[in-house]
Amino acid sequence: THEFSYVAGKLSSGYYVNFIFEGEPGITKKLKE
C-alpha cells in the first residue's frame, strides 16, 4: 500500500500491483475496457 500523490476523492492510498504479461496485439485495449 502507498499513498496517492494526488487525492481526488475519498481514497488517499491504494495497493499497487504490477502485472507483467504477454498477449496478441490488441489485448491491451480489451484489458483497458
All heavy atoms as atom14 arrays in JSON, in Angstrom:
{
  "sequence": "THEFSYVAGKLSSGYYVNFIFEGEPGITKKLKE",
  "atom14_mask": [
    [1, 1, 1, 1, 1, 1, 1, 0, 0, 0, 0, 0, 0, 0],
    [1, 1, 1, 1, 1, 1, 1, 1, 1, 1, 0, 0, 0, 0],
    [1, 1, 1, 1, 1, 1, 1, 1, 1, 0, 0, 0, 0, 0],
    [1, 1, 1, 1, 1, 1, 1, 1, 1, 1, 1, 0, 0, 0],
    [1, 1, 1, 1, 1, 1, 0, 0, 0, 0, 0, 0, 0, 0],
    [1, 1, 1, 1, 1, 1, 1, 1, 1, 1, 1, 1, 0, 0],
    [1, 1, 1, 1, 1, 1, 1, 0, 0, 0, 0, 0, 0, 0],
    [1, 1, 1, 1, 1, 0, 0, 0, 0, 0, 0, 0, 0, 0],
    [1, 1, 1, 1, 0, 0, 0, 0, 0, 0, 0, 0, 0, 0],
    [1, 1, 1, 1, 1, 1, 1, 1, 1, 0, 0, 0, 0, 0],
    [1, 1, 1, 1, 1, 1, 1, 1, 0, 0, 0, 0, 0, 0],
    [1, 1, 1, 1, 1, 1, 0, 0, 0, 0, 0, 0, 0, 0],
    [1, 1, 1, 1, 1, 1, 0, 0, 0, 0, 0, 0, 0, 0],
    [1, 1, 1, 1, 0, 0, 0, 0, 0, 0, 0, 0, 0, 0],
    [1, 1, 1, 1, 1, 1, 1, 1, 1, 1, 1, 1, 0, 0],
    [1, 1, 1, 1, 1, 1, 1, 1, 1, 1, 1, 1, 0, 0],
    [1, 1, 1, 1, 1, 1, 1, 0, 0, 0, 0, 0, 0, 0],
    [1, 1, 1, 1, 1, 1, 1, 1, 0, 0, 0, 0, 0, 0],
    [1, 1, 1, 1, 1, 1, 1, 1, 1, 1, 1, 0, 0, 0],
    [1, 1, 1, 1, 1, 1, 1, 1, 0, 0, 0, 0, 0, 0],
    [1, 1, 1, 1, 1, 1, 1, 1, 1, 1, 1, 0, 0, 0],
    [1, 1, 1, 1, 1, 1, 1, 1, 1, 0, 0, 0, 0, 0],
    [1, 1, 1, 1, 0, 0, 0, 0, 0, 0, 0, 0, 0, 0],
    [1, 1, 1, 1, 1, 1, 1, 1, 1, 0, 0, 0, 0, 0],
    [1, 1, 1, 1, 1, 1, 1, 0, 0, 0, 0, 0, 0, 0],
    [1, 1, 1, 1, 0, 0, 0, 0, 0, 0, 0, 0, 0, 0],
    [1, 1, 1, 1, 1, 1, 1, 1, 0, 0, 0, 0, 0, 0],
    [1, 1, 1, 1, 1, 1, 1, 0, 0, 0, 0, 0, 0, 0],
    [1, 1, 1, 1, 1, 1, 1, 1, 1, 0, 0, 0, 0, 0],
    [1, 1, 1, 1, 1, 1, 1, 1, 1, 0, 0, 0, 0, 0],
    [1, 1, 1, 1, 1, 1, 1, 1, 0, 0, 0, 0, 0, 0],
    [1, 1, 1, 1, 1, 1, 1, 1, 1, 0, 0, 0, 0, 0],
    [1, 1, 1, 1, 1, 1, 1, 1, 1, 0, 0, 0, 0, 0]
  ],
  "atom14_positions": [
    [[0.84, -1.2, 0.0], [0.0, 0.0, 0.0], [0.87, 1.25, 0.0], [1.87, 1.32, 0.71], [-0.91, 0.01, 1.24], [-1.71, -1.17, 1.22], [-1.83, 1.22, 1.25], [0.0, 0.0, 0.0], [0.0, 0.0, 0.0], [0.0, 0.0, 0.0], [0.0, 0.0, 0.0], [0.0, 0.0, 0.0], [0.0, 0.0, 0.0], [0.0, 0.0, 0.0]],
    [[0.48, 2.23, -0.82], [1.19, 3.51, -0.91], [0.17, 4.64, -0.95], [-0.93, 4.48, -1.47], [2.06, 3.58, -2.17], [3.13, 2.54, -2.2], [4.3, 2.66, -1.51], [3.19, 1.36, -2.85], [5.05, 1.6, -1.73], [4.4, 0.79, -2.54], [0.0, 0.0, 0.0], [0.0, 0.0, 0.0], [0.0, 0.0, 0.0], [0.0, 0.0, 0.0]],
    [[0.57, 5.78, -0.44], [-0.26, 6.98, -0.51], [-0.3, 7.48, -1.96], [0.71, 7.41, -2.66], [0.32, 8.08, 0.38], [0.31, 7.75, 1.86], [-1.08, 7.71, 2.46], [-1.91, 8.56, 2.1], [-1.32, 6.83, 3.3], [0.0, 0.0, 0.0], [0.0, 0.0, 0.0], [0.0, 0.0, 0.0], [0.0, 0.0, 0.0], [0.0, 0.0, 0.0]],
    [[-1.44, 7.98, -2.4], [-1.55, 8.57, -3.73], [-0.89, 9.95, -3.69], [-0.99, 10.67, -2.7], [-3.01, 8.73, -4.16], [-3.75, 7.43, -4.34], [-5.11, 7.37, -4.14], [-3.1, 6.27, -4.72], [-5.81, 6.19, -4.32], [-3.78, 5.08, -4.9], [-5.14, 5.04, -4.7], [0.0, 0.0, 0.0], [0.0, 0.0, 0.0], [0.0, 0.0, 0.0]],
    [[-0.25, 10.33, -4.78], [0.38, 11.65, -4.83], [-0.66, 12.75, -4.97], [-0.43, 13.89, -4.61], [1.39, 11.72, -5.98], [0.76, 11.42, -7.2], [0.0, 0.0, 0.0], [0.0, 0.0, 0.0], [0.0, 0.0, 0.0], [0.0, 0.0, 0.0], [0.0, 0.0, 0.0], [0.0, 0.0, 0.0], [0.0, 0.0, 0.0], [0.0, 0.0, 0.0]],
    [[-1.82, 12.4, -5.5], [-2.9, 13.37, -5.68], [-4.2, 12.7, -5.26], [-4.56, 11.65, -5.78], [-2.98, 13.8, -7.14], [-4.11, 14.76, -7.43], [-4.01, 16.1, -7.09], [-5.28, 14.33, -8.04], [-5.05, 16.99, -7.35], [-6.32, 15.2, -8.31], [-6.2, 16.53, -7.96], [-7.23, 17.38, -8.21], [0.0, 0.0, 0.0], [0.0, 0.0, 0.0]],
    [[-4.89, 13.28, -4.3], [-6.14, 12.71, -3.8], [-7.3, 13.43, -4.46], [-7.43, 14.65, -4.36], [-6.22, 12.83, -2.26], [-7.55, 12.28, -1.76], [-5.06, 12.11, -1.61], [0.0, 0.0, 0.0], [0.0, 0.0, 0.0], [0.0, 0.0, 0.0], [0.0, 0.0, 0.0], [0.0, 0.0, 0.0], [0.0, 0.0, 0.0], [0.0, 0.0, 0.0]],
    [[-8.15, 12.68, -5.16], [-9.28, 13.27, -5.87], [-10.58, 12.58, -5.47], [-11.42, 12.3, -6.3], [-9.07, 13.19, -7.36], [0.0, 0.0, 0.0], [0.0, 0.0, 0.0], [0.0, 0.0, 0.0], [0.0, 0.0, 0.0], [0.0, 0.0, 0.0], [0.0, 0.0, 0.0], [0.0, 0.0, 0.0], [0.0, 0.0, 0.0], [0.0, 0.0, 0.0]],
    [[-10.73, 12.29, -4.23], [-11.93, 11.61, -3.77], [-11.72, 11.1, -2.36], [-10.88, 11.59, -1.62], [0.0, 0.0, 0.0], [0.0, 0.0, 0.0], [0.0, 0.0, 0.0], [0.0, 0.0, 0.0], [0.0, 0.0, 0.0], [0.0, 0.0, 0.0], [0.0, 0.0, 0.0], [0.0, 0.0, 0.0], [0.0, 0.0, 0.0], [0.0, 0.0, 0.0]],
    [[-12.47, 10.06, -2.03], [-12.4, 9.55, -0.66], [-11.19, 8.65, -0.4], [-10.86, 8.38, 0.73], [-13.69, 8.81, -0.31], [-13.98, 7.62, -1.19], [-15.3, 6.97, -0.83], [-15.57, 5.79, -1.75], [-16.8, 5.15, -1.45], [0.0, 0.0, 0.0], [0.0, 0.0, 0.0], [0.0, 0.0, 0.0], [0.0, 0.0, 0.0], [0.0, 0.0, 0.0]],
    [[-10.52, 8.18, -1.46], [-9.35, 7.32, -1.28], [-8.07, 8.14, -1.22], [-7.86, 9.04, -2.02], [-9.25, 6.33, -2.44], [-10.37, 5.31, -2.58], [-10.16, 4.47, -3.83], [-10.44, 4.42, -1.36], [0.0, 0.0, 0.0], [0.0, 0.0, 0.0], [0.0, 0.0, 0.0], [0.0, 0.0, 0.0], [0.0, 0.0, 0.0], [0.0, 0.0, 0.0]],
    [[-7.21, 7.82, -0.27], [-5.92, 8.51, -0.17], [-4.75, 7.56, -0.42], [-3.62, 8.01, -0.55], [-5.78, 9.15, 1.2], [-5.8, 8.16, 2.21], [0.0, 0.0, 0.0], [0.0, 0.0, 0.0], [0.0, 0.0, 0.0], [0.0, 0.0, 0.0], [0.0, 0.0, 0.0], [0.0, 0.0, 0.0], [0.0, 0.0, 0.0], [0.0, 0.0, 0.0]],
    [[-5.03, 6.26, -0.49], [-3.97, 5.29, -0.74], [-4.56, 4.07, -1.44], [-5.78, 3.91, -1.52], [-3.3, 4.87, 0.57], [-4.23, 4.17, 1.39], [0.0, 0.0, 0.0], [0.0, 0.0, 0.0], [0.0, 0.0, 0.0], [0.0, 0.0, 0.0], [0.0, 0.0, 0.0], [0.0, 0.0, 0.0], [0.0, 0.0, 0.0], [0.0, 0.0, 0.0]],
    [[-3.66, 3.24, -1.95], [-4.1, 2.03, -2.63], [-3.01, 0.98, -2.63], [-1.85, 1.28, -2.37], [0.0, 0.0, 0.0], [0.0, 0.0, 0.0], [0.0, 0.0, 0.0], [0.0, 0.0, 0.0], [0.0, 0.0, 0.0], [0.0, 0.0, 0.0], [0.0, 0.0, 0.0], [0.0, 0.0, 0.0], [0.0, 0.0, 0.0], [0.0, 0.0, 0.0]],
    [[-3.39, -0.24, -2.92], [-2.44, -1.35, -3.01], [-1.98, -1.44, -4.45], [-2.79, -1.61, -5.35], [-3.13, -2.65, -2.56], [-2.17, -3.79, -2.34], [-1.62, -4.0, -1.08], [-1.8, -4.64, -3.37], [-0.74, -5.03, -0.86], [-0.92, -5.67, -3.15], [-0.39, -5.87, -1.89], [0.49, -6.9, -1.68], [0.0, 0.0, 0.0], [0.0, 0.0, 0.0]],
    [[-0.69, -1.31, -4.67], [-0.13, -1.3, -6.02], [0.32, -2.7, -6.42], [0.93, -3.41, -5.63], [1.08, -0.36, -6.09], [0.72, 1.1, -6.11], [0.16, 1.73, -5.0], [0.95, 1.87, -7.23], [-0.16, 3.07, -5.01], [0.63, 3.22, -7.26], [0.08, 3.81, -6.15], [-0.23, 5.14, -6.15], [0.0, 0.0, 0.0], [0.0, 0.0, 0.0]],
    [[0.02, -3.05, -7.68], [0.41, -4.34, -8.22], [0.85, -4.15, -9.66], [0.19, -3.45, -10.43], [-0.77, -5.34, -8.19], [-0.34, -6.7, -8.71], [-1.35, -5.47, -6.8], [0.0, 0.0, 0.0], [0.0, 0.0, 0.0], [0.0, 0.0, 0.0], [0.0, 0.0, 0.0], [0.0, 0.0, 0.0], [0.0, 0.0, 0.0], [0.0, 0.0, 0.0]],
    [[1.97, -4.76, -10.04], [2.41, -4.8, -11.43], [2.1, -6.18, -11.99], [2.5, -7.19, -11.39], [3.92, -4.56, -11.56], [4.3, -3.13, -11.33], [3.51, -2.23, -11.55], [5.52, -2.91, -10.89], [0.0, 0.0, 0.0], [0.0, 0.0, 0.0], [0.0, 0.0, 0.0], [0.0, 0.0, 0.0], [0.0, 0.0, 0.0], [0.0, 0.0, 0.0]],
    [[1.42, -6.22, -13.11], [1.19, -7.47, -13.82], [2.01, -7.39, -15.1], [1.78, -6.52, -15.92], [-0.29, -7.62, -14.2], [-1.21, -7.79, -13.03], [-1.79, -6.69, -12.43], [-1.51, -9.04, -12.54], [-2.65, -6.83, -11.36], [-2.37, -9.19, -11.47], [-2.94, -8.09, -10.87], [0.0, 0.0, 0.0], [0.0, 0.0, 0.0], [0.0, 0.0, 0.0]],
    [[2.95, -8.29, -15.27], [3.75, -8.33, -16.48], [3.23, -9.51, -17.29], [3.16, -10.64, -16.79], [5.24, -8.48, -16.16], [5.68, -7.26, -15.33], [6.06, -8.59, -17.45], [7.09, -7.34, -14.81], [0.0, 0.0, 0.0], [0.0, 0.0, 0.0], [0.0, 0.0, 0.0], [0.0, 0.0, 0.0], [0.0, 0.0, 0.0], [0.0, 0.0, 0.0]],
    [[2.81, -9.22, -18.53], [2.13, -10.25, -19.33], [2.49, -10.14, -20.8], [3.02, -9.13, -21.25], [0.62, -10.14, -19.16], [0.03, -8.85, -19.68], [-0.46, -8.77, -20.97], [-0.04, -7.72, -18.89], [-1.0, -7.6, -21.46], [-0.58, -6.54, -19.35], [-1.06, -6.48, -20.65], [0.0, 0.0, 0.0], [0.0, 0.0, 0.0], [0.0, 0.0, 0.0]],
    [[2.2, -11.18, -21.53], [2.33, -11.21, -22.98], [0.97, -11.51, -23.58], [0.17, -12.22, -22.98], [3.31, -12.3, -23.43], [4.75, -11.99, -23.16], [5.69, -12.97, -23.82], [5.45, -13.31, -25.0], [6.64, -13.39, -23.17], [0.0, 0.0, 0.0], [0.0, 0.0, 0.0], [0.0, 0.0, 0.0], [0.0, 0.0, 0.0], [0.0, 0.0, 0.0]],
    [[0.75, -10.97, -24.77], [-0.51, -11.23, -25.45], [-0.46, -10.77, -26.89], [0.48, -10.09, -27.31], [0.0, 0.0, 0.0], [0.0, 0.0, 0.0], [0.0, 0.0, 0.0], [0.0, 0.0, 0.0], [0.0, 0.0, 0.0], [0.0, 0.0, 0.0], [0.0, 0.0, 0.0], [0.0, 0.0, 0.0], [0.0, 0.0, 0.0], [0.0, 0.0, 0.0]],
    [[-1.46, -11.13, -27.61], [-1.57, -10.75, -29.01], [-1.83, -9.24, -29.13], [-2.32, -8.62, -28.2], [-2.72, -11.52, -29.67], [-2.5, -13.02, -29.72], [-1.28, -13.42, -30.53], [-1.03, -12.8, -31.59], [-0.56, -14.33, -30.09], [0.0, 0.0, 0.0], [0.0, 0.0, 0.0], [0.0, 0.0, 0.0], [0.0, 0.0, 0.0], [0.0, 0.0, 0.0]],
    [[-1.52, -8.66, -30.29], [-1.82, -7.24, -30.49], [-3.31, -6.97, -30.24], [-4.16, -7.78, -30.58], [-1.47, -7.01, -31.96], [-0.46, -8.06, -32.27], [-0.86, -9.26, -31.45], [0.0, 0.0, 0.0], [0.0, 0.0, 0.0], [0.0, 0.0, 0.0], [0.0, 0.0, 0.0], [0.0, 0.0, 0.0], [0.0, 0.0, 0.0], [0.0, 0.0, 0.0]],
    [[-3.59, -5.87, -29.6], [-4.98, -5.51, -29.3], [-5.44, -5.95, -27.93], [-6.51, -5.56, -27.47], [0.0, 0.0, 0.0], [0.0, 0.0, 0.0], [0.0, 0.0, 0.0], [0.0, 0.0, 0.0], [0.0, 0.0, 0.0], [0.0, 0.0, 0.0], [0.0, 0.0, 0.0], [0.0, 0.0, 0.0], [0.0, 0.0, 0.0], [0.0, 0.0, 0.0]],
    [[-4.64, -6.76, -27.24], [-5.08, -7.26, -25.93], [-5.14, -6.14, -24.9], [-6.0, -6.13, -24.03], [-4.18, -8.41, -25.44], [-4.86, -9.11, -24.26], [-2.8, -7.92, -25.07], [-4.24, -10.42, -23.89], [0.0, 0.0, 0.0], [0.0, 0.0, 0.0], [0.0, 0.0, 0.0], [0.0, 0.0, 0.0], [0.0, 0.0, 0.0], [0.0, 0.0, 0.0]],
    [[-4.25, -5.16, -25.01], [-4.24, -4.05, -24.05], [-5.55, -3.28, -24.11], [-6.11, -2.91, -23.08], [-3.04, -3.11, -24.3], [-1.85, -3.89, -24.26], [-2.97, -2.03, -23.27], [0.0, 0.0, 0.0], [0.0, 0.0, 0.0], [0.0, 0.0, 0.0], [0.0, 0.0, 0.0], [0.0, 0.0, 0.0], [0.0, 0.0, 0.0], [0.0, 0.0, 0.0]],
    [[-6.07, -3.07, -25.31], [-7.35, -2.37, -25.45], [-8.47, -3.15, -24.77], [-9.3, -2.58, -24.06], [-7.68, -2.17, -26.93], [-8.96, -1.43, -27.15], [-9.27, -1.25, -28.62], [-10.62, -0.57, -28.76], [-11.07, -0.5, -30.13], [0.0, 0.0, 0.0], [0.0, 0.0, 0.0], [0.0, 0.0, 0.0], [0.0, 0.0, 0.0], [0.0, 0.0, 0.0]],
    [[-8.49, -4.47, -24.97], [-9.51, -5.31, -24.33], [-9.41, -5.24, -22.81], [-10.42, -5.15, -22.11], [-9.37, -6.76, -24.79], [-9.73, -7.0, -26.22], [-9.51, -8.47, -26.55], [-9.73, -8.74, -28.01], [-9.47, -10.16, -28.34], [0.0, 0.0, 0.0], [0.0, 0.0, 0.0], [0.0, 0.0, 0.0], [0.0, 0.0, 0.0], [0.0, 0.0, 0.0]],
    [[-8.17, -5.3, -22.31], [-7.98, -5.25, -20.87], [-8.38, -3.9, -20.3], [-9.01, -3.83, -19.24], [-6.52, -5.57, -20.52], [-6.1, -7.02, -20.75], [-4.59, -7.15, -20.65], [-6.79, -7.95, -19.78], [0.0, 0.0, 0.0], [0.0, 0.0, 0.0], [0.0, 0.0, 0.0], [0.0, 0.0, 0.0], [0.0, 0.0, 0.0], [0.0, 0.0, 0.0]],
    [[-8.03, -2.81, -21.0], [-8.43, -1.48, -20.54], [-9.94, -1.38, -20.41], [-10.46, -0.87, -19.42], [-7.93, -0.41, -21.5], [-6.47, -0.09, -21.38], [-6.08, 1.01, -22.37], [-4.59, 1.28, -22.32], [-4.19, 2.32, -23.27], [0.0, 0.0, 0.0], [0.0, 0.0, 0.0], [0.0, 0.0, 0.0], [0.0, 0.0, 0.0], [0.0, 0.0, 0.0]],
    [[-10.65, -1.85, -21.42], [-12.11, -1.8, -21.39], [-12.66, -2.62, -20.23], [-13.59, -2.2, -19.54], [-12.68, -2.3, -22.72], [-12.42, -1.37, -23.88], [-12.75, -1.96, -25.23], [-13.12, -3.16, -25.31], [-12.64, -1.22, -26.23], [0.0, 0.0, 0.0], [0.0, 0.0, 0.0], [0.0, 0.0, 0.0], [0.0, 0.0, 0.0], [0.0, 0.0, 0.0]]
  ]
}
